[in-house]
Amino acid sequence: MTEESLDGGVVRIALDGRLDIDGTQKVENQFAYSTTSRPGQFAVDLSGVTFIASIGIRMLLTAARAQTQRGGRMILVSPGGMSRKVLETAGVDQLVPIVGDLDAARSALGTA
């Protein structure tokens, strides 16, 4: 997991690898701290995620819900092939916007 601040107050968090039980456990505490401890505009880059299980989906939804409750927003960016299909099948796209790239995320967050 890497985190960087971008222009317009957007925080980009890039996740890589598998968000299965092992992968999620490795990043969950750091991800939760980054995304739930303060309100903000978060673009979570999933382009490097090769697999996502229900525990990874739970981590993302928990963070998105926390941002909504604090007045912030979270957007999922560039989930690849199977990861995108899993997110859409689970209905995550109905709860958290999923966009194709960082520019679309900035537009959706109103910071473009």
PDB file of N, CA and C in Angstrom:
ATOM      1  N   MET A   1       0.846  -1.177   0.000  1.00  0.00           N
ATOM      2  CA  MET A   1       0.000   0.000   0.000  1.00  0.00           C
ATOM      3  C   MET A   1       0.888   1.236   0.000  1.00  0.00           C
ATOM      4  N   THR A   2       0.566   2.143  -0.922  1.00  0.00           N
ATOM      5  CA  THR A   2       1.252   3.425  -0.941  1.00  0.00           C
ATOM      6  C   THR A   2       0.201   4.525  -0.888  1.00  0.00           C
ATOM      7  N   GLU A   3       0.594   5.642  -0.303  1.00  0.00           N
ATOM      8  CA  GLU A   3      -0.323   6.769  -0.139  1.00  0.00           C
ATOM      9  C   GLU A   3       0.383   8.041  -0.570  1.00  0.00           C
ATOM     10  N   GLU A   4      -0.331   8.888  -1.328  1.00  0.00           N
ATOM     11  CA  GLU A   4       0.244  10.164  -1.718  1.00  0.00           C
ATOM     12  C   GLU A   4      -0.846  11.225  -1.779  1.00  0.00           C
ATOM     13  N   SER A   5      -0.469  12.438  -1.423  1.00  0.00           N
ATOM     14  CA  SER A   5      -1.389  13.568  -1.505  1.00  0.00           C
ATOM     15  C   SER A   5      -1.261  14.203  -2.877  1.00  0.00           C
ATOM     16  N   LEU A   6      -2.399  14.456  -3.502  1.00  0.00           N
ATOM     17  CA  LEU A   6      -2.433  15.062  -4.830  1.00  0.00           C
ATOM     18  C   LEU A   6      -3.030  16.460  -4.730  1.00  0.00           C
ATOM     19  N   ASP A   7      -2.902  17.217  -5.816  1.00  0.00           N
ATOM     20  CA  ASP A   7      -3.516  18.539  -5.878  1.00  0.00           C
ATOM     21  C   ASP A   7      -5.013  18.433  -5.624  1.00  0.00           C
ATOM     22  N   GLY A   8      -5.576  19.475  -5.050  1.00  0.00           N
ATOM     23  CA  GLY A   8      -7.016  19.512  -4.816  1.00  0.00           C
ATOM     24  C   GLY A   8      -7.443  18.780  -3.562  1.00  0.00           C
ATOM     25  N   GLY A   9      -6.490  18.358  -2.746  1.00  0.00           N
ATOM     26  CA  GLY A   9      -6.829  17.690  -1.494  1.00  0.00           C
ATOM     27  C   GLY A   9      -7.180  16.216  -1.634  1.00  0.00           C
ATOM     28  N   VAL A  10      -6.918  15.637  -2.798  1.00  0.00           N
ATOM     29  CA  VAL A  10      -7.201  14.223  -3.007  1.00  0.00           C
ATOM     30  C   VAL A  10      -6.039  13.391  -2.471  1.00  0.00           C
ATOM     31  N   VAL A  11      -6.371  12.319  -1.772  1.00  0.00           N
ATOM     32  CA  VAL A  11      -5.373  11.365  -1.310  1.00  0.00           C
ATOM     33  C   VAL A  11      -5.523  10.109  -2.164  1.00  0.00           C
ATOM     34  N   ARG A  12      -4.436   9.741  -2.849  1.00  0.00           N
ATOM     35  CA  ARG A  12      -4.435   8.524  -3.673  1.00  0.00           C
ATOM     36  C   ARG A  12      -3.797   7.413  -2.859  1.00  0.00           C
ATOM     37  N   ILE A  13      -4.534   6.329  -2.710  1.00  0.00           N
ATOM     38  CA  ILE A  13      -4.012   5.150  -2.031  1.00  0.00           C
ATOM     39  C   ILE A  13      -3.985   4.030  -3.066  1.00  0.00           C
ATOM     40  N   ALA A  14      -2.805   3.492  -3.310  1.00  0.00           N
ATOM     41  CA  ALA A  14      -2.652   2.402  -4.272  1.00  0.00           C
ATOM     42  C   ALA A  14      -2.482   1.087  -3.522  1.00  0.00           C
ATOM     43  N   LEU A  15      -3.304   0.122  -3.877  1.00  0.00           N
ATOM     44  CA  LEU A  15      -3.202  -1.214  -3.310  1.00  0.00           C
ATOM     45  C   LEU A  15      -2.688  -2.149  -4.395  1.00  0.00           C
ATOM     46  N   ASP A  16      -1.842  -3.096  -4.010  1.00  0.00           N
ATOM     47  CA  ASP A  16      -1.255  -4.033  -4.957  1.00  0.00           C
ATOM     48  C   ASP A  16      -1.400  -5.461  -4.439  1.00  0.00           C
ATOM     49  N   GLY A  17      -1.444  -6.390  -5.372  1.00  0.00           N
ATOM     50  CA  GLY A  17      -1.463  -7.806  -5.009  1.00  0.00           C
ATOM     51  C   GLY A  17      -2.862  -8.344  -4.824  1.00  0.00           C
ATOM     52  N   ARG A  18      -2.966  -9.307  -3.943  1.00  0.00           N
ATOM     53  CA  ARG A  18      -4.235  -9.996  -3.702  1.00  0.00           C
ATOM     54  C   ARG A  18      -4.891  -9.466  -2.433  1.00  0.00           C
ATOM     55  N   LEU A  19      -6.161  -9.150  -2.531  1.00  0.00           N
ATOM     56  CA  LEU A  19      -6.924  -8.769  -1.343  1.00  0.00           C
ATOM     57  C   LEU A  19      -7.732  -9.984  -0.883  1.00  0.00           C
ATOM     58  N   ASP A  20      -7.002 -11.061  -0.629  1.00  0.00           N
ATOM     59  CA  ASP A  20      -7.580 -12.249  -0.012  1.00  0.00           C
ATOM     60  C   ASP A  20      -7.334 -12.111   1.489  1.00  0.00           C
ATOM     61  N   ILE A  21      -7.500 -13.149   2.253  1.00  0.00           N
ATOM     62  CA  ILE A  21      -7.357 -13.016   3.699  1.00  0.00           C
ATOM     63  C   ILE A  21      -5.942 -12.575   4.091  1.00  0.00           C
ATOM     64  N   ASP A  22      -4.920 -13.152   3.468  1.00  0.00           N
ATOM     65  CA  ASP A  22      -3.540 -12.783   3.811  1.00  0.00           C
ATOM     66  C   ASP A  22      -3.211 -11.357   3.379  1.00  0.00           C
ATOM     67  N   GLY A  23      -3.526 -11.022   2.138  1.00  0.00           N
ATOM     68  CA  GLY A  23      -3.221  -9.691   1.618  1.00  0.00           C
ATOM     69  C   GLY A  23      -3.975  -8.595   2.352  1.00  0.00           C
ATOM     70  N   THR A  24      -5.243  -8.847   2.653  1.00  0.00           N
ATOM     71  CA  THR A  24      -6.044  -7.852   3.367  1.00  0.00           C
ATOM     72  C   THR A  24      -5.505  -7.644   4.775  1.00  0.00           C
ATOM     73  N   GLN A  25      -5.154  -8.717   5.454  1.00  0.00           N
ATOM     74  CA  GLN A  25      -4.614  -8.590   6.809  1.00  0.00           C
ATOM     75  C   GLN A  25      -3.323  -7.779   6.836  1.00  0.00           C
ATOM     76  N   LYS A  26      -2.530  -7.859   5.778  1.00  0.00           N
ATOM     77  CA  LYS A  26      -1.269  -7.115   5.728  1.00  0.00           C
ATOM     78  C   LYS A  26      -1.476  -5.607   5.641  1.00  0.00           C
ATOM     79  N   VAL A  27      -2.561  -5.171   4.992  1.00  0.00           N
ATOM     80  CA  VAL A  27      -2.760  -3.735   4.780  1.00  0.00           C
ATOM     81  C   VAL A  27      -3.932  -3.143   5.564  1.00  0.00           C
ATOM     82  N   GLU A  28      -4.750  -3.980   6.161  1.00  0.00           N
ATOM     83  CA  GLU A  28      -6.008  -3.515   6.741  1.00  0.00           C
ATOM     84  C   GLU A  28      -5.839  -2.422   7.796  1.00  0.00           C
ATOM     85  N   ASN A  29      -4.932  -2.589   8.731  1.00  0.00           N
ATOM     86  CA  ASN A  29      -4.767  -1.577   9.780  1.00  0.00           C
ATOM     87  C   ASN A  29      -4.295  -0.243   9.215  1.00  0.00           C
ATOM     88  N   GLN A  30      -3.301  -0.283   8.347  1.00  0.00           N
ATOM     89  CA  GLN A  30      -2.790   0.945   7.743  1.00  0.00           C
ATOM     90  C   GLN A  30      -3.857   1.594   6.858  1.00  0.00           C
ATOM     91  N   PHE A  31      -4.566   0.791   6.079  1.00  0.00           N
ATOM     92  CA  PHE A  31      -5.619   1.304   5.206  1.00  0.00           C
ATOM     93  C   PHE A  31      -6.745   1.925   6.035  1.00  0.00           C
ATOM     94  N   ALA A  32      -7.166   1.233   7.074  1.00  0.00           N
ATOM     95  CA  ALA A  32      -8.242   1.746   7.928  1.00  0.00           C
ATOM     96  C   ALA A  32      -7.828   3.055   8.584  1.00  0.00           C
ATOM     97  N   TYR A  33      -6.612   3.120   9.082  1.00  0.00           N
ATOM     98  CA  TYR A  33      -6.145   4.364   9.714  1.00  0.00           C
ATOM     99  C   TYR A  33      -6.143   5.510   8.704  1.00  0.00           C
ATOM    100  N   SER A  34      -5.647   5.239   7.515  1.00  0.00           N
ATOM    101  CA  SER A  34      -5.559   6.287   6.490  1.00  0.00           C
ATOM    102  C   SER A  34      -6.929   6.758   6.031  1.00  0.00           C
ATOM    103  N   THR A  35      -7.883   5.856   5.927  1.00  0.00           N
ATOM    104  CA  THR A  35      -9.164   6.196   5.311  1.00  0.00           C
ATOM    105  C   THR A  35     -10.301   6.459   6.289  1.00  0.00           C
ATOM    106  N   THR A  36     -10.120   6.165   7.553  1.00  0.00           N
ATOM    107  CA  THR A  36     -11.237   6.354   8.480  1.00  0.00           C
ATOM    108  C   THR A  36     -10.950   7.318   9.617  1.00  0.00           C
ATOM    109  N   SER A  37      -9.709   7.728   9.791  1.00  0.00           N
ATOM    110  CA  SER A  37      -9.374   8.572  10.944  1.00  0.00           C
ATOM    111  C   SER A  37      -9.658  10.049  10.705  1.00  0.00           C
ATOM    112  N   ARG A  38      -9.889  10.427   9.457  1.00  0.00           N
ATOM    113  CA  ARG A  38     -10.157  11.836   9.145  1.00  0.00           C
ATOM    114  C   ARG A  38     -10.999  11.916   7.874  1.00  0.00           C
ATOM    115  N   PRO A  39     -11.816  12.946   7.751  1.00  0.00           N
ATOM    116  CA  PRO A  39     -12.570  13.091   6.504  1.00  0.00           C
ATOM    117  C   PRO A  39     -11.646  13.548   5.383  1.00  0.00           C
ATOM    118  N   GLY A  40     -11.944  13.127   4.185  1.00  0.00           N
ATOM    119  CA  GLY A  40     -11.121  13.537   3.054  1.00  0.00           C
ATOM    120  C   GLY A  40     -11.709  13.056   1.746  1.00  0.00           C
ATOM    121  N   GLN A  41     -10.960  13.276   0.698  1.00  0.00           N
ATOM    122  CA  GLN A  41     -11.313  12.854  -0.651  1.00  0.00           C
ATOM    123  C   GLN A  41     -10.298  11.788  -1.049  1.00  0.00           C
ATOM    124  N   PHE A  42     -10.730  10.538  -1.110  1.00  0.00           N
ATOM    125  CA  PHE A  42      -9.822   9.418  -1.338  1.00  0.00           C
ATOM    126  C   PHE A  42     -10.075   8.748  -2.680  1.00  0.00           C
ATOM    127  N   ALA A  43      -9.006   8.542  -3.436  1.00  0.00           N
ATOM    128  CA  ALA A  43      -9.034   7.777  -4.676  1.00  0.00           C
ATOM    129  C   ALA A  43      -8.231   6.506  -4.410  1.00  0.00           C
ATOM    130  N   VAL A  44      -8.914   5.387  -4.304  1.00  0.00           N
ATOM    131  CA  VAL A  44      -8.257   4.118  -4.004  1.00  0.00           C
ATOM    132  C   VAL A  44      -7.970   3.411  -5.318  1.00  0.00           C
ATOM    133  N   ASP A  45      -6.695   3.379  -5.690  1.00  0.00           N
ATOM    134  CA  ASP A  45      -6.237   2.816  -6.958  1.00  0.00           C
ATOM    135  C   ASP A  45      -6.105   1.300  -6.822  1.00  0.00           C
ATOM    136  N   LEU A  46      -6.950   0.580  -7.539  1.00  0.00           N
ATOM    137  CA  LEU A  46      -6.955  -0.882  -7.496  1.00  0.00           C
ATOM    138  C   LEU A  46      -6.329  -1.505  -8.738  1.00  0.00           C
ATOM    139  N   SER A  47      -5.635  -0.709  -9.538  1.00  0.00           N
ATOM    140  CA  SER A  47      -5.075  -1.237 -10.790  1.00  0.00           C
ATOM    141  C   SER A  47      -4.061  -2.350 -10.545  1.00  0.00           C
ATOM    142  N   GLY A  48      -3.438  -2.380  -9.401  1.00  0.00           N
ATOM    143  CA  GLY A  48      -2.459  -3.415  -9.088  1.00  0.00           C
ATOM    144  C   GLY A  48      -3.026  -4.595  -8.325  1.00  0.00           C
ATOM    145  N   VAL A  49      -4.329  -4.591  -8.071  1.00  0.00           N
ATOM    146  CA  VAL A  49      -4.966  -5.686  -7.336  1.00  0.00           C
ATOM    147  C   VAL A  49      -5.327  -6.787  -8.332  1.00  0.00           C
ATOM    148  N   THR A  50      -4.810  -7.986  -8.077  1.00  0.00           N
ATOM    149  CA  THR A  50      -5.021  -9.099  -9.001  1.00  0.00           C
ATOM    150  C   THR A  50      -6.179 -10.003  -8.592  1.00  0.00           C
ATOM    151  N   PHE A  51      -6.619  -9.901  -7.354  1.00  0.00           N
ATOM    152  CA  PHE A  51      -7.707 -10.743  -6.852  1.00  0.00           C
ATOM    153  C   PHE A  51      -8.326 -10.042  -5.658  1.00  0.00           C
ATOM    154  N   ILE A  52      -9.641 -10.143  -5.532  1.00  0.00           N
ATOM    155  CA  ILE A  52     -10.298  -9.557  -4.373  1.00  0.00           C
ATOM    156  C   ILE A  52     -11.337 -10.535  -3.830  1.00  0.00           C
ATOM    157  N   ALA A  53     -11.240 -10.819  -2.542  1.00  0.00           N
ATOM    158  CA  ALA A  53     -12.175 -11.716  -1.869  1.00  0.00           C
ATOM    159  C   ALA A  53     -13.131 -10.879  -1.023  1.00  0.00           C
ATOM    160  N   SER A  54     -14.086 -11.540  -0.402  1.00  0.00           N
ATOM    161  CA  SER A  54     -15.088 -10.831   0.394  1.00  0.00           C
ATOM    162  C   SER A  54     -14.463 -10.020   1.518  1.00  0.00           C
ATOM    163  N   ILE A  55     -13.366 -10.477   2.093  1.00  0.00           N
ATOM    164  CA  ILE A  55     -12.722  -9.724   3.167  1.00  0.00           C
ATOM    165  C   ILE A  55     -12.133  -8.412   2.641  1.00  0.00           C
ATOM    166  N   GLY A  56     -11.639  -8.416   1.409  1.00  0.00           N
ATOM    167  CA  GLY A  56     -11.147  -7.192   0.784  1.00  0.00           C
ATOM    168  C   GLY A  56     -12.286  -6.232   0.475  1.00  0.00           C
ATOM    169  N   ILE A  57     -13.410  -6.790   0.016  1.00  0.00           N
ATOM    170  CA  ILE A  57     -14.589  -5.963  -0.245  1.00  0.00           C
ATOM    171  C   ILE A  57     -15.064  -5.316   1.045  1.00  0.00           C
ATOM    172  N   ARG A  58     -15.091  -6.081   2.123  1.00  0.00           N
ATOM    173  CA  ARG A  58     -15.508  -5.544   3.426  1.00  0.00           C
ATOM    174  C   ARG A  58     -14.611  -4.389   3.850  1.00  0.00           C
ATOM    175  N   MET A  59     -13.307  -4.526   3.658  1.00  0.00           N
ATOM    176  CA  MET A  59     -12.367  -3.469   4.027  1.00  0.00           C
ATOM    177  C   MET A  59     -12.678  -2.183   3.252  1.00  0.00           C
ATOM    178  N   LEU A  60     -12.928  -2.317   1.948  1.00  0.00           N
ATOM    179  CA  LEU A  60     -13.225  -1.146   1.123  1.00  0.00           C
ATOM    180  C   LEU A  60     -14.554  -0.505   1.518  1.00  0.00           C
ATOM    181  N   LEU A  61     -15.579  -1.311   1.743  1.00  0.00           N
ATOM    182  CA  LEU A  61     -16.891  -0.772   2.107  1.00  0.00           C
ATOM    183  C   LEU A  61     -16.880  -0.105   3.479  1.00  0.00           C
ATOM    184  N   THR A  62     -16.144  -0.669   4.420  1.00  0.00           N
ATOM    185  CA  THR A  62     -16.028  -0.069   5.751  1.00  0.00           C
ATOM    186  C   THR A  62     -15.406   1.315   5.660  1.00  0.00           C
ATOM    187  N   ALA A  63     -14.363   1.437   4.858  1.00  0.00           N
ATOM    188  CA  ALA A  63     -13.694   2.732   4.691  1.00  0.00           C
ATOM    189  C   ALA A  63     -14.608   3.734   3.991  1.00  0.00           C
ATOM    190  N   ALA A  64     -15.318   3.292   2.963  1.00  0.00           N
ATOM    191  CA  ALA A  64     -16.227   4.186   2.235  1.00  0.00           C
ATOM    192  C   ALA A  64     -17.344   4.672   3.150  1.00  0.00           C
ATOM    193  N   ARG A  65     -17.891   3.779   3.948  1.00  0.00           N
ATOM    194  CA  ARG A  65     -18.955   4.143   4.885  1.00  0.00           C
ATOM    195  C   ARG A  65     -18.444   5.159   5.915  1.00  0.00           C
ATOM    196  N   ALA A  66     -17.246   4.938   6.422  1.00  0.00           N
ATOM    197  CA  ALA A  66     -16.664   5.865   7.404  1.00  0.00           C
ATOM    198  C   ALA A  66     -16.483   7.249   6.790  1.00  0.00           C
ATOM    199  N   GLN A  67     -16.049   7.311   5.534  1.00  0.00           N
ATOM    200  CA  GLN A  67     -15.882   8.605   4.875  1.00  0.00           C
ATOM    201  C   GLN A  67     -17.217   9.308   4.695  1.00  0.00           C
ATOM    202  N   THR A  68     -18.215   8.577   4.292  1.00  0.00           N
ATOM    203  CA  THR A  68     -19.550   9.166   4.116  1.00  0.00           C
ATOM    204  C   THR A  68     -20.056   9.743   5.437  1.00  0.00           C
ATOM    205  N   GLN A  69     -19.861   9.018   6.519  1.00  0.00           N
ATOM    206  CA  GLN A  69     -20.311   9.473   7.834  1.00  0.00           C
ATOM    207  C   GLN A  69     -19.554  10.713   8.309  1.00  0.00           C
ATOM    208  N   ARG A  70     -18.321  10.897   7.841  1.00  0.00           N
ATOM    209  CA  ARG A  70     -17.502  12.039   8.258  1.00  0.00           C
ATOM    210  C   ARG A  70     -17.579  13.207   7.271  1.00  0.00           C
ATOM    211  N   GLY A  71     -18.330  13.028   6.203  1.00  0.00           N
ATOM    212  CA  GLY A  71     -18.444  14.096   5.213  1.00  0.00           C
ATOM    213  C   GLY A  71     -17.407  14.017   4.113  1.00  0.00           C
ATOM    214  N   GLY A  72     -16.647  12.927   4.053  1.00  0.00           N
ATOM    215  CA  GLY A  72     -15.665  12.726   2.998  1.00  0.00           C
ATOM    216  C   GLY A  72     -16.225  11.830   1.911  1.00  0.00           C
ATOM    217  N   ARG A  73     -15.369  11.482   0.970  1.00  0.00           N
ATOM    218  CA  ARG A  73     -15.780  10.597  -0.133  1.00  0.00           C
ATOM    219  C   ARG A  73     -14.643   9.673  -0.514  1.00  0.00           C
ATOM    220  N   MET A  74     -15.018   8.526  -1.018  1.00  0.00           N
ATOM    221  CA  MET A  74     -14.038   7.574  -1.502  1.00  0.00           C
ATOM    222  C   MET A  74     -14.497   7.054  -2.863  1.00  0.00           C
ATOM    223  N   ILE A  75     -13.564   6.969  -3.793  1.00  0.00           N
ATOM    224  CA  ILE A  75     -13.803   6.477  -5.149  1.00  0.00           C
ATOM    225  C   ILE A  75     -12.831   5.323  -5.391  1.00  0.00           C
ATOM    226  N   LEU A  76     -13.290   4.267  -6.038  1.00  0.00           N
ATOM    227  CA  LEU A  76     -12.409   3.169  -6.431  1.00  0.00           C
ATOM    228  C   LEU A  76     -11.972   3.404  -7.867  1.00  0.00           C
ATOM    229  N   VAL A  77     -10.666   3.269  -8.100  1.00  0.00           N
ATOM    230  CA  VAL A  77     -10.085   3.618  -9.398  1.00  0.00           C
ATOM    231  C   VAL A  77      -9.443   2.396 -10.041  1.00  0.00           C
ATOM    232  N   SER A  78      -9.773   2.170 -11.304  1.00  0.00           N
ATOM    233  CA  SER A  78      -9.102   1.200 -12.181  1.00  0.00           C
ATOM    234  C   SER A  78      -9.002  -0.231 -11.675  1.00  0.00           C
ATOM    235  N   PRO A  79     -10.071  -0.792 -11.126  1.00  0.00           N
ATOM    236  CA  PRO A  79      -9.938  -2.219 -10.805  1.00  0.00           C
ATOM    237  C   PRO A  79      -9.830  -2.995 -12.110  1.00  0.00           C
ATOM    238  N   GLY A  80      -8.916  -3.930 -12.158  1.00  0.00           N
ATOM    239  CA  GLY A  80      -8.688  -4.672 -13.389  1.00  0.00           C
ATOM    240  C   GLY A  80      -9.612  -5.864 -13.537  1.00  0.00           C
ATOM    241  N   GLY A  81      -9.816  -6.281 -14.754  1.00  0.00           N
ATOM    242  CA  GLY A  81     -10.561  -7.461 -15.168  1.00  0.00           C
ATOM    243  C   GLY A  81     -11.441  -8.140 -14.145  1.00  0.00           C
ATOM    244  N   MET A  82     -10.911  -9.200 -13.539  1.00  0.00           N
ATOM    245  CA  MET A  82     -11.694 -10.005 -12.619  1.00  0.00           C
ATOM    246  C   MET A  82     -12.047  -9.240 -11.349  1.00  0.00           C
ATOM    247  N   SER A  83     -11.165  -8.374 -10.878  1.00  0.00           N
ATOM    248  CA  SER A  83     -11.464  -7.592  -9.673  1.00  0.00           C
ATOM    249  C   SER A  83     -12.672  -6.698  -9.908  1.00  0.00           C
ATOM    250  N   ARG A  84     -12.728  -6.069 -11.061  1.00  0.00           N
ATOM    251  CA  ARG A  84     -13.875  -5.214 -11.381  1.00  0.00           C
ATOM    252  C   ARG A  84     -15.157  -6.037 -11.455  1.00  0.00           C
ATOM    253  N   LYS A  85     -15.070  -7.191 -12.080  1.00  0.00           N
ATOM    254  CA  LYS A  85     -16.245  -8.049 -12.206  1.00  0.00           C
ATOM    255  C   LYS A  85     -16.746  -8.487 -10.832  1.00  0.00           C
ATOM    256  N   VAL A  86     -15.836  -8.845  -9.939  1.00  0.00           N
ATOM    257  CA  VAL A  86     -16.215  -9.244  -8.583  1.00  0.00           C
ATOM    258  C   VAL A  86     -16.887  -8.085  -7.855  1.00  0.00           C
ATOM    259  N   LEU A  87     -16.317  -6.885  -7.951  1.00  0.00           N
ATOM    260  CA  LEU A  87     -16.901  -5.715  -7.289  1.00  0.00           C
ATOM    261  C   LEU A  87     -18.300  -5.417  -7.823  1.00  0.00           C
ATOM    262  N   GLU A  88     -18.469  -5.500  -9.126  1.00  0.00           N
ATOM    263  CA  GLU A  88     -19.774  -5.226  -9.732  1.00  0.00           C
ATOM    264  C   GLU A  88     -20.790  -6.315  -9.388  1.00  0.00           C
ATOM    265  N   THR A  89     -20.360  -7.569  -9.402  1.00  0.00           N
ATOM    266  CA  THR A  89     -21.259  -8.674  -9.055  1.00  0.00           C
ATOM    267  C   THR A  89     -21.729  -8.558  -7.611  1.00  0.00           C
ATOM    268  N   ALA A  90     -20.836  -8.101  -6.733  1.00  0.00           N
ATOM    269  CA  ALA A  90     -21.184  -7.925  -5.318  1.00  0.00           C
ATOM    270  C   ALA A  90     -22.006  -6.653  -5.081  1.00  0.00           C
ATOM    271  N   GLY A  91     -22.163  -5.827  -6.108  1.00  0.00           N
ATOM    272  CA  GLY A  91     -22.943  -4.599  -5.965  1.00  0.00           C
ATOM    273  C   GLY A  91     -22.195  -3.445  -5.342  1.00  0.00           C
ATOM    274  N   VAL A  92     -20.883  -3.567  -5.240  1.00  0.00           N
ATOM    275  CA  VAL A  92     -20.079  -2.498  -4.641  1.00  0.00           C
ATOM    276  C   VAL A  92     -20.214  -1.205  -5.435  1.00  0.00           C
ATOM    277  N   ASP A  93     -20.336  -1.328  -6.764  1.00  0.00           N
ATOM    278  CA  ASP A  93     -20.451  -0.133  -7.604  1.00  0.00           C
ATOM    279  C   ASP A  93     -21.742   0.643  -7.337  1.00  0.00           C
ATOM    280  N   GLN A  94     -22.709   0.034  -6.669  1.00  0.00           N
ATOM    281  CA  GLN A  94     -23.938   0.732  -6.291  1.00  0.00           C
ATOM    282  C   GLN A  94     -23.745   1.565  -5.026  1.00  0.00           C
ATOM    283  N   LEU A  95     -22.681   1.251  -4.277  1.00  0.00           N
ATOM    284  CA  LEU A  95     -22.412   1.925  -3.011  1.00  0.00           C
ATOM    285  C   LEU A  95     -21.211   2.865  -3.073  1.00  0.00           C
ATOM    286  N   VAL A  96     -20.219   2.481  -3.851  1.00  0.00           N
ATOM    287  CA  VAL A  96     -18.984   3.250  -3.982  1.00  0.00           C
ATOM    288  C   VAL A  96     -18.714   3.423  -5.471  1.00  0.00           C
ATOM    289  N   PRO A  97     -18.558   4.660  -5.939  1.00  0.00           N
ATOM    290  CA  PRO A  97     -18.288   4.855  -7.367  1.00  0.00           C
ATOM    291  C   PRO A  97     -17.000   4.155  -7.809  1.00  0.00           C
ATOM    292  N   ILE A  98     -17.063   3.544  -8.981  1.00  0.00           N
ATOM    293  CA  ILE A  98     -15.891   2.917  -9.589  1.00  0.00           C
ATOM    294  C   ILE A  98     -15.639   3.638 -10.905  1.00  0.00           C
ATOM    295  N   VAL A  99     -14.423   4.144 -11.086  1.00  0.00           N
ATOM    296  CA  VAL A  99     -14.070   4.879 -12.293  1.00  0.00           C
ATOM    297  C   VAL A  99     -12.832   4.264 -12.932  1.00  0.00           C
ATOM    298  N   GLY A 100     -12.588   4.630 -14.192  1.00  0.00           N
ATOM    299  CA  GLY A 100     -11.522   4.024 -14.970  1.00  0.00           C
ATOM    300  C   GLY A 100     -10.128   4.578 -14.745  1.00  0.00           C
ATOM    301  N   ASP A 101     -10.021   5.846 -14.311  1.00  0.00           N
ATOM    302  CA  ASP A 101      -8.690   6.422 -14.130  1.00  0.00           C
ATOM    303  C   ASP A 101      -8.728   7.554 -13.103  1.00  0.00           C
ATOM    304  N   LEU A 102      -7.553   8.068 -12.803  1.00  0.00           N
ATOM    305  CA  LEU A 102      -7.428   9.094 -11.766  1.00  0.00           C
ATOM    306  C   LEU A 102      -8.115  10.399 -12.167  1.00  0.00           C
ATOM    307  N   ASP A 103      -8.078  10.754 -13.439  1.00  0.00           N
ATOM    308  CA  ASP A 103      -8.773  11.969 -13.886  1.00  0.00           C
ATOM    309  C   ASP A 103     -10.272  11.860 -13.649  1.00  0.00           C
ATOM    310  N   ALA A 104     -10.843  10.693 -13.934  1.00  0.00           N
ATOM    311  CA  ALA A 104     -12.272  10.480 -13.682  1.00  0.00           C
ATOM    312  C   ALA A 104     -12.564  10.518 -12.190  1.00  0.00           C
ATOM    313  N   ALA A 105     -11.635  10.024 -11.382  1.00  0.00           N
ATOM    314  CA  ALA A 105     -11.814  10.082  -9.921  1.00  0.00           C
ATOM    315  C   ALA A 105     -11.823  11.519  -9.449  1.00  0.00           C
ATOM    316  N   ARG A 106     -10.906  12.321  -9.960  1.00  0.00           N
ATOM    317  CA  ARG A 106     -10.876  13.747  -9.575  1.00  0.00           C
ATOM    318  C   ARG A 106     -12.167  14.441  -9.966  1.00  0.00           C
ATOM    319  N   SER A 107     -12.683  14.141 -11.155  1.00  0.00           N
ATOM    320  CA  SER A 107     -13.961  14.728 -11.586  1.00  0.00           C
ATOM    321  C   SER A 107     -15.083  14.294 -10.649  1.00  0.00           C
ATOM    322  N   ALA A 108     -15.130  13.014 -10.332  1.00  0.00           N
ATOM    323  CA  ALA A 108     -16.182  12.502  -9.458  1.00  0.00           C
ATOM    324  C   ALA A 108     -16.092  13.096  -8.060  1.00  0.00           C
ATOM    325  N   LEU A 109     -14.881  13.399  -7.628  1.00  0.00           N
ATOM    326  CA  LEU A 109     -14.682  14.004  -6.303  1.00  0.00           C
ATOM    327  C   LEU A 109     -14.858  15.512  -6.338  1.00  0.00           C
ATOM    328  N   GLY A 110     -14.994  16.074  -7.546  1.00  0.00           N
ATOM    329  CA  GLY A 110     -15.168  17.521  -7.682  1.00  0.00           C
ATOM    330  C   GLY A 110     -13.905  18.315  -7.496  1.00  0.00           C
ATOM    331  N   THR A 111     -12.759  17.673  -7.767  1.00  0.00           N
ATOM    332  CA  THR A 111     -11.482  18.362  -7.585  1.00  0.00           C
ATOM    333  C   THR A 111     -10.713  18.536  -8.895  1.00  0.00           C
ATOM    334  N   ALA A 112     -11.336  18.208 -10.012  1.00  0.00           N
ATOM    335  CA  ALA A 112     -10.635  18.315 -11.313  1.00  0.00           C
ATOM    336  C   ALA A 112     -10.566  19.746 -11.785  1.00  0.00           C
TER     337      ALA A 112
END
